[in-house]
N, C-alpha and C. Protein backbone atom coordinates (compact mmCIF):
# COMPACT_ATOMS: atom_id res chain seq x y z
N MET A 1 17.71 -154.15 -86.95
CA MET A 1 17.41 -154.49 -88.32
C MET A 1 18.51 -153.93 -89.21
N SER A 2 19.12 -154.81 -89.99
CA SER A 2 20.25 -154.35 -90.80
C SER A 2 19.77 -153.53 -92.00
N LYS A 3 20.64 -152.67 -92.48
CA LYS A 3 20.31 -151.80 -93.61
C LYS A 3 20.95 -152.37 -94.87
N VAL A 4 20.70 -153.67 -95.14
CA VAL A 4 21.28 -154.35 -96.29
C VAL A 4 20.15 -154.98 -97.10
N CYS A 5 20.21 -154.79 -98.42
CA CYS A 5 19.22 -155.40 -99.31
C CYS A 5 19.45 -156.91 -99.35
N GLU A 6 18.39 -157.70 -99.18
CA GLU A 6 18.52 -159.15 -99.16
C GLU A 6 18.74 -159.73 -100.55
N ILE A 7 18.40 -158.99 -101.59
CA ILE A 7 18.56 -159.47 -102.96
C ILE A 7 19.92 -159.06 -103.52
N SER A 8 20.23 -157.79 -103.49
CA SER A 8 21.43 -157.28 -104.16
C SER A 8 22.63 -157.13 -103.23
N GLY A 9 22.40 -157.05 -101.92
CA GLY A 9 23.50 -156.83 -100.99
C GLY A 9 23.88 -155.36 -100.86
N LYS A 10 23.06 -154.46 -101.43
CA LYS A 10 23.36 -153.03 -101.28
C LYS A 10 23.38 -152.68 -99.81
N ARG A 11 24.37 -151.86 -99.42
CA ARG A 11 24.50 -151.49 -98.02
C ARG A 11 24.88 -150.02 -97.92
N PRO A 12 24.86 -149.45 -96.72
CA PRO A 12 25.23 -148.04 -96.59
C PRO A 12 26.67 -147.81 -97.04
N ILE A 13 26.91 -146.63 -97.63
CA ILE A 13 28.26 -146.26 -98.03
C ILE A 13 28.64 -144.97 -97.33
N VAL A 14 29.95 -144.72 -97.26
CA VAL A 14 30.45 -143.49 -96.65
C VAL A 14 30.77 -142.51 -97.76
N ALA A 15 30.29 -141.28 -97.61
CA ALA A 15 30.55 -140.23 -98.59
C ALA A 15 30.96 -138.97 -97.84
N ASN A 16 31.39 -137.99 -98.58
CA ASN A 16 31.78 -136.72 -97.98
C ASN A 16 30.68 -135.69 -98.15
N SER A 17 30.47 -134.90 -97.12
CA SER A 17 29.60 -133.74 -97.19
C SER A 17 30.52 -132.52 -97.30
N ILE A 18 30.41 -131.78 -98.40
CA ILE A 18 31.33 -130.67 -98.66
C ILE A 18 30.59 -129.35 -98.49
N GLN A 19 31.10 -128.50 -97.60
CA GLN A 19 30.53 -127.18 -97.37
C GLN A 19 31.30 -126.17 -98.22
N ARG A 20 30.58 -125.34 -98.96
CA ARG A 20 31.23 -124.34 -99.81
C ARG A 20 30.65 -122.96 -99.52
N ARG A 21 31.46 -121.93 -99.78
CA ARG A 21 30.96 -120.57 -99.68
C ARG A 21 31.52 -119.77 -100.84
N GLY A 22 30.93 -118.64 -101.09
CA GLY A 22 31.39 -117.78 -102.17
C GLY A 22 30.43 -117.81 -103.34
N LYS A 23 30.68 -116.94 -104.29
CA LYS A 23 29.83 -116.81 -105.47
C LYS A 23 30.48 -117.54 -106.63
N ALA A 24 29.70 -118.33 -107.35
CA ALA A 24 30.23 -119.11 -108.47
C ALA A 24 30.78 -118.19 -109.56
N LYS A 25 31.79 -118.67 -110.27
CA LYS A 25 32.42 -117.87 -111.33
C LYS A 25 31.41 -117.50 -112.41
N ARG A 26 30.54 -118.44 -112.74
CA ARG A 26 29.57 -118.16 -113.82
C ARG A 26 28.57 -117.07 -113.43
N GLU A 27 28.49 -116.78 -112.12
CA GLU A 27 27.61 -115.71 -111.66
C GLU A 27 28.38 -114.42 -111.39
N GLY A 28 29.65 -114.39 -111.80
CA GLY A 28 30.44 -113.18 -111.64
C GLY A 28 31.32 -113.14 -110.42
N GLY A 29 31.39 -114.22 -109.68
CA GLY A 29 32.22 -114.25 -108.48
C GLY A 29 33.62 -114.75 -108.78
N VAL A 30 34.38 -114.98 -107.72
CA VAL A 30 35.75 -115.46 -107.88
C VAL A 30 35.83 -116.99 -107.73
N GLY A 31 34.72 -117.64 -107.54
CA GLY A 31 34.68 -119.10 -107.44
C GLY A 31 34.35 -119.57 -106.04
N LYS A 32 33.81 -120.76 -105.97
CA LYS A 32 33.44 -121.35 -104.69
C LYS A 32 34.67 -121.82 -103.94
N LYS A 33 34.67 -121.66 -102.64
CA LYS A 33 35.76 -122.12 -101.78
C LYS A 33 35.21 -123.21 -100.86
N THR A 34 35.98 -124.26 -100.67
CA THR A 34 35.60 -125.32 -99.76
C THR A 34 35.96 -124.89 -98.34
N THR A 35 34.97 -124.92 -97.45
CA THR A 35 35.22 -124.49 -96.07
C THR A 35 35.18 -125.65 -95.10
N GLY A 36 34.73 -126.80 -95.53
CA GLY A 36 34.69 -127.94 -94.63
C GLY A 36 34.28 -129.21 -95.33
N ILE A 37 34.86 -130.31 -94.90
CA ILE A 37 34.50 -131.63 -95.42
C ILE A 37 34.27 -132.52 -94.22
N SER A 38 33.13 -133.19 -94.19
CA SER A 38 32.86 -134.13 -93.11
C SER A 38 32.24 -135.39 -93.70
N LYS A 39 32.41 -136.49 -92.99
CA LYS A 39 31.89 -137.78 -93.44
C LYS A 39 30.39 -137.85 -93.21
N ARG A 40 29.71 -138.56 -94.09
CA ARG A 40 28.30 -138.84 -93.89
C ARG A 40 28.00 -140.20 -94.49
N ARG A 41 26.86 -140.77 -94.15
CA ARG A 41 26.49 -142.08 -94.68
C ARG A 41 25.31 -141.93 -95.62
N GLN A 42 25.37 -142.69 -96.71
CA GLN A 42 24.26 -142.74 -97.65
C GLN A 42 23.65 -144.13 -97.56
N TYR A 43 22.35 -144.19 -97.28
CA TYR A 43 21.67 -145.45 -97.07
C TYR A 43 20.91 -145.87 -98.32
N PRO A 44 20.81 -147.18 -98.58
CA PRO A 44 19.99 -147.63 -99.70
C PRO A 44 18.51 -147.42 -99.37
N ASN A 45 17.70 -147.24 -100.39
CA ASN A 45 16.27 -147.04 -100.21
C ASN A 45 15.62 -148.41 -100.05
N LEU A 46 15.59 -148.92 -98.81
CA LEU A 46 15.05 -150.25 -98.54
C LEU A 46 13.57 -150.16 -98.20
N GLN A 47 12.82 -151.12 -98.73
CA GLN A 47 11.39 -151.22 -98.45
C GLN A 47 11.08 -152.66 -98.07
N LYS A 48 10.07 -152.83 -97.23
CA LYS A 48 9.63 -154.18 -96.89
C LYS A 48 8.64 -154.64 -97.95
N ILE A 49 8.88 -155.81 -98.51
CA ILE A 49 7.99 -156.40 -99.50
C ILE A 49 7.44 -157.68 -98.90
N ARG A 50 6.11 -157.77 -98.79
CA ARG A 50 5.48 -158.97 -98.24
C ARG A 50 4.83 -159.75 -99.37
N VAL A 51 5.11 -161.05 -99.43
CA VAL A 51 4.54 -161.90 -100.48
C VAL A 51 4.01 -163.18 -99.84
N GLN A 52 3.03 -163.77 -100.49
CA GLN A 52 2.46 -165.05 -100.06
C GLN A 52 3.07 -166.17 -100.89
N VAL A 53 3.71 -167.14 -100.22
CA VAL A 53 4.28 -168.29 -100.91
C VAL A 53 3.90 -169.53 -100.11
N ALA A 54 3.26 -170.47 -100.77
CA ALA A 54 2.88 -171.74 -100.14
C ALA A 54 2.11 -171.52 -98.84
N GLY A 55 1.24 -170.52 -98.83
CA GLY A 55 0.42 -170.25 -97.66
C GLY A 55 1.13 -169.52 -96.54
N GLN A 56 2.38 -169.16 -96.74
CA GLN A 56 3.16 -168.44 -95.73
C GLN A 56 3.41 -167.01 -96.21
N GLU A 57 3.35 -166.06 -95.29
CA GLU A 57 3.69 -164.68 -95.64
C GLU A 57 5.17 -164.48 -95.36
N ILE A 58 5.89 -164.03 -96.41
CA ILE A 58 7.33 -163.84 -96.30
C ILE A 58 7.64 -162.37 -96.53
N THR A 59 8.52 -161.82 -95.69
CA THR A 59 8.91 -160.41 -95.80
C THR A 59 10.35 -160.32 -96.26
N PHE A 60 10.58 -159.52 -97.29
CA PHE A 60 11.92 -159.23 -97.78
C PHE A 60 12.21 -157.76 -97.55
N ARG A 61 13.45 -157.43 -97.17
CA ARG A 61 13.90 -156.03 -97.14
C ARG A 61 14.73 -155.84 -98.38
N VAL A 62 14.18 -155.06 -99.33
CA VAL A 62 14.75 -154.98 -100.66
C VAL A 62 14.93 -153.52 -101.06
N ALA A 63 16.04 -153.22 -101.75
CA ALA A 63 16.23 -151.90 -102.34
C ALA A 63 15.17 -151.72 -103.43
N THR A 64 14.67 -150.52 -103.57
CA THR A 64 13.59 -150.29 -104.53
C THR A 64 14.01 -150.63 -105.95
N SER A 65 15.29 -150.53 -106.26
CA SER A 65 15.75 -150.87 -107.60
C SER A 65 15.66 -152.37 -107.87
N HIS A 66 15.48 -153.19 -106.83
CA HIS A 66 15.43 -154.64 -107.00
C HIS A 66 14.07 -155.24 -106.65
N ILE A 67 13.05 -154.43 -106.50
CA ILE A 67 11.72 -154.96 -106.21
C ILE A 67 11.23 -155.89 -107.33
N PRO A 68 11.43 -155.56 -108.62
CA PRO A 68 10.99 -156.50 -109.66
C PRO A 68 11.66 -157.86 -109.56
N LYS A 69 12.88 -157.93 -109.02
CA LYS A 69 13.59 -159.20 -108.86
C LYS A 69 12.84 -160.14 -107.92
N VAL A 70 12.14 -159.58 -106.92
CA VAL A 70 11.39 -160.41 -105.98
C VAL A 70 10.31 -161.17 -106.74
N TYR A 71 9.63 -160.49 -107.65
CA TYR A 71 8.56 -161.13 -108.39
C TYR A 71 9.11 -162.11 -109.43
N GLU A 72 10.29 -161.83 -110.00
CA GLU A 72 10.95 -162.79 -110.88
C GLU A 72 11.30 -164.05 -110.09
N LEU A 73 11.76 -163.84 -108.86
CA LEU A 73 12.12 -164.95 -107.99
C LEU A 73 10.91 -165.84 -107.70
N LEU A 74 9.75 -165.21 -107.48
CA LEU A 74 8.54 -165.99 -107.22
C LEU A 74 8.12 -166.78 -108.44
N ASP A 75 8.32 -166.22 -109.64
CA ASP A 75 8.00 -166.97 -110.86
C ASP A 75 8.90 -168.19 -110.99
N ARG A 76 10.18 -168.04 -110.66
CA ARG A 76 11.11 -169.17 -110.73
C ARG A 76 10.77 -170.25 -109.71
N ALA A 77 10.16 -169.85 -108.59
CA ALA A 77 9.89 -170.79 -107.50
C ALA A 77 8.62 -171.59 -107.71
N LYS A 78 7.91 -171.36 -108.81
CA LYS A 78 6.63 -172.06 -109.02
C LYS A 78 6.79 -173.58 -109.02
N GLY A 79 7.92 -174.10 -109.50
CA GLY A 79 8.10 -175.55 -109.59
C GLY A 79 8.63 -176.18 -108.32
N LEU A 80 9.03 -175.39 -107.35
CA LEU A 80 9.61 -175.94 -106.12
C LEU A 80 8.53 -176.49 -105.19
N LYS A 81 8.90 -177.51 -104.43
CA LYS A 81 7.99 -178.07 -103.44
C LYS A 81 8.25 -177.36 -102.11
N LEU A 82 7.41 -176.40 -101.80
CA LEU A 82 7.61 -175.58 -100.61
C LEU A 82 6.54 -175.81 -99.55
N GLU A 83 5.60 -176.69 -99.82
CA GLU A 83 4.51 -176.95 -98.87
C GLU A 83 5.07 -177.58 -97.60
N GLY A 84 4.56 -177.17 -96.46
CA GLY A 84 4.95 -177.74 -95.19
C GLY A 84 6.22 -177.16 -94.59
N LEU A 85 6.84 -176.22 -95.28
CA LEU A 85 8.05 -175.58 -94.75
C LEU A 85 7.67 -174.32 -93.99
N SER A 86 8.54 -173.93 -93.06
CA SER A 86 8.30 -172.68 -92.33
C SER A 86 8.64 -171.50 -93.24
N ALA A 87 8.20 -170.32 -92.84
CA ALA A 87 8.45 -169.12 -93.64
C ALA A 87 9.95 -168.87 -93.78
N LYS A 88 10.70 -169.13 -92.72
CA LYS A 88 12.16 -168.91 -92.76
C LYS A 88 12.82 -169.86 -93.76
N GLU A 89 12.40 -171.14 -93.75
CA GLU A 89 12.97 -172.12 -94.68
C GLU A 89 12.62 -171.78 -96.13
N ILE A 90 11.39 -171.33 -96.35
CA ILE A 90 10.97 -170.94 -97.70
C ILE A 90 11.82 -169.77 -98.19
N LYS A 91 12.02 -168.79 -97.32
CA LYS A 91 12.81 -167.61 -97.68
C LYS A 91 14.24 -168.01 -98.04
N GLU A 92 14.85 -168.91 -97.27
CA GLU A 92 16.21 -169.36 -97.55
C GLU A 92 16.27 -170.06 -98.91
N ARG A 93 15.29 -170.89 -99.21
CA ARG A 93 15.27 -171.60 -100.50
C ARG A 93 15.10 -170.63 -101.66
N LEU A 94 14.25 -169.63 -101.48
CA LEU A 94 14.05 -168.64 -102.54
C LEU A 94 15.33 -167.86 -102.81
N LEU A 95 16.03 -167.46 -101.75
CA LEU A 95 17.25 -166.67 -101.92
C LEU A 95 18.38 -167.49 -102.55
N LYS A 96 18.34 -168.83 -102.41
CA LYS A 96 19.33 -169.68 -103.07
C LYS A 96 19.13 -169.71 -104.58
N LEU A 97 17.94 -169.38 -105.05
CA LEU A 97 17.66 -169.39 -106.49
C LEU A 97 18.38 -168.26 -107.22
N LEU A 98 18.81 -167.25 -106.49
CA LEU A 98 19.44 -166.10 -107.15
C LEU A 98 20.76 -166.44 -107.76
């Protein structure tokens, strides 16, 4: 299962994890020293959102910041003729509305 938001395209990013030691200057020390830098990944906060459309249950993997967009998308889809389509076809048509 991919770690990509289906609405926004948010995906994992690479960031640095910085290890420091020492006492901060504001606390009376000589300042923090960097003792190590290593790569780490930051993942988007993805949640599964299940909705009913045309009698089919559709699941979206969406970043929490874009959950309201799913419901906006459903409002836009009210005029579409989606009856008789499979869940996969309905999902593809909904995502084209973006």
